[in-house]
Amino acid sequence: MYQEEYERWAVAQLEDSDLNMELARIAGNDAEIKDRFAVALQFGTAGLRGVVGAGTNRMNVYVVRQATQGLANWVKTQGGSQTVAISYDSRIKSDVFARAAACVLAANGITVRLYDALMPVPALSFATRYYACNAGIMVTASHNPAKYNGYKAYGPDGCQMTDEAAGIVYAEIQKTDVLTGAKTMDFAAGVESGKIRFVEQACKDALYAAIEARSVRPGLCAKAGLKLVYSPLNGAGLVPVLHVLKDIGITDITVVPEQEYPNGYFTTCSYPNPEIFEALKLGLALAEKSGADLMLATDPDCDRVGIAVKCKDGSYELLSGNEVGVLLLDYICAGRIENGTMPQKAVAVKSIVSTPLADAVAKHYGVELRSVLTGFKWIGDQIAKLEAENEVERFLFGFEESYGYLAGPYVRDKDAIIGSMLICEMAAYYRSVGSSLKERLDEIYRQYGRYLNKVDSYEFPGLSGMDKMAAIMKNLRKNPPKEFAGIAVTKTVDYEKPEQTGLPAANVLIYHLENGACVVVRPSGTEPKIKTYFTTLGKDLAEAEAQKEALAAAVKPLLA
């Protein structure tokens, strides 16, 4: 079957010469052909994600058109404005895929609002809401390695598409022949007809105004003298992040030159993820050389931000997403109470795999902290519920341990533009009072206890990877562990059982241990890996780390 599909592509003389060359190169190689054609990339709530190349199991202009035809079929049943917003990042062929999607929508009679240059995830979410669109498309593979690209679909609320809508779109995709089934038209003709329009400057300005309005201490940065090193990791963050930082008065910014401009090959870091040291290496070297107070990096689609802070001895320490999330929650709460701008019955939201230290901080400030499933759309869902009750201003802050933050309801996805702004403002504030981010974090640990949160990942590549992951999760449910490293499991929460959690079903297991530690096992929704999350609490860092290592050693055989 896959050989037949390969032959169909091979004789089709595709318009993309890269695909024709790849198809010719793999002729006669059964394993290569099978990898590309045995299955199709599946469209879900995270959209599509895969290696760029030829075949149904790859990201290419034909798979993008097929997906967009499925989306168009759904949009046509929705009434409303019959408009879709599109943005894209710096990845290989992102601009090509964005225009291909625009051409399919236009051919289906749907109006497109397309950014005229690469812009990040929050800009797409904002434009979807600004133009009252039926849907949004973001062409990105987030922080995956350079060979990947992807296609994220958004609903009219600017949140990633719901399971129900994604299911309908997927059914429509399956009815659409990948090579010939999508309607399309010439891009220039789409622009000329008025069906393809560019996002206006007014929309961009409104996004920047909405972000800057969430400043906790307006005017502080202009006189604080913060010295910053920034890396957009060759992605979409350069223009919007610098725009907002300069607007709030931060001018001493050194951009990492090798990572400044868009480059989908990410030649300076094979994995452009601000969660890992290698991606921040050049920025750290520059920070050490210049004596910067702070180094920050945003990922290619600019929805995550990672930071390194200066310590008293002049060295730099990378902070985890949990630590930055807790620092931001603490800073926003304290600052808003001090300024009299704290909303009544304030609400913060975090994912179930994020640190319980946030619960303690929220309780201290009298803020309701809600825990939701992993995936920022669930944080967006909480904002939507507040909005439906005409109480959206109660939403204060949301975060995930994977370096995603949002303060304010102006978009419904994580936003590294506002994350960068508030991190810099927070650093400037502590600098202005003779302290630092590192010192404030140490104070928080002294106040609430030395929490440690670590994530390990186990990869399962290849066509059989997903089956192996499913078998591991099934076995954990069939034979639930009674202890880890000699510490008894006191409670197991299975998120596949909504009656236990009050949340929608999810493939997550959480083990609460006798000593207060916690182990979470969760397959990734976007990559072939199982993630394990460890929370330990010790009298100091060494004790918390020793607990984590013992737990990780106990978990490893279960995931082999």
Foldseek 3Di string as FASTA:
>chain_A
DLVVVLVVVQPPPDPDVQQNVVSVVCPPPVVVSCQAEVDAFFQFLQGGKAFDYDHRPHDDLLVLLLLLQLVLVLLVVVDDQLEEEEAEKQAVCRVVSRLSSLFLSLLSVGAYAYAPHHAFLQLQLLVLQVVQHQKYWYWAPWQAFLRMIGIFMGGSNSFRDDRVSRVSSRVSSVVADSHPRTGGDDSVVSVVVNRYHYDDVVSVVVVLVQLLVLALDQLLQQPLPAAEEEAQLLANVQVLQVVNCVVRHDDNYHYLVVRRHHDSNSVQARGCALQDDSNCVSVQVVCLVVVGQKYKYAIRNAQFMWIWGADPVRHIHTDFLLLLQQLLLLCNLVSCVVVVNQDPQAEEEEEPLHDCLSVVSCVVSVHHYYYAHPDLSRVLVVLVVCVVVVNNVSYAKYGYRSRFIDGGNSGRGGHNSSSSVSQSSSQSVQSNVVHGSVRVSVVSCVVRFDKDKDKDKDAQDDPCLVVLVVVLLVVCVVPPDQDALPWGFPDKDQQLDCVRPVHHRFRKIKTQTPQRKIWIWHQDPSHSMIMIMIMATDNDPVVRVVVVVRRCVRCVVSSD
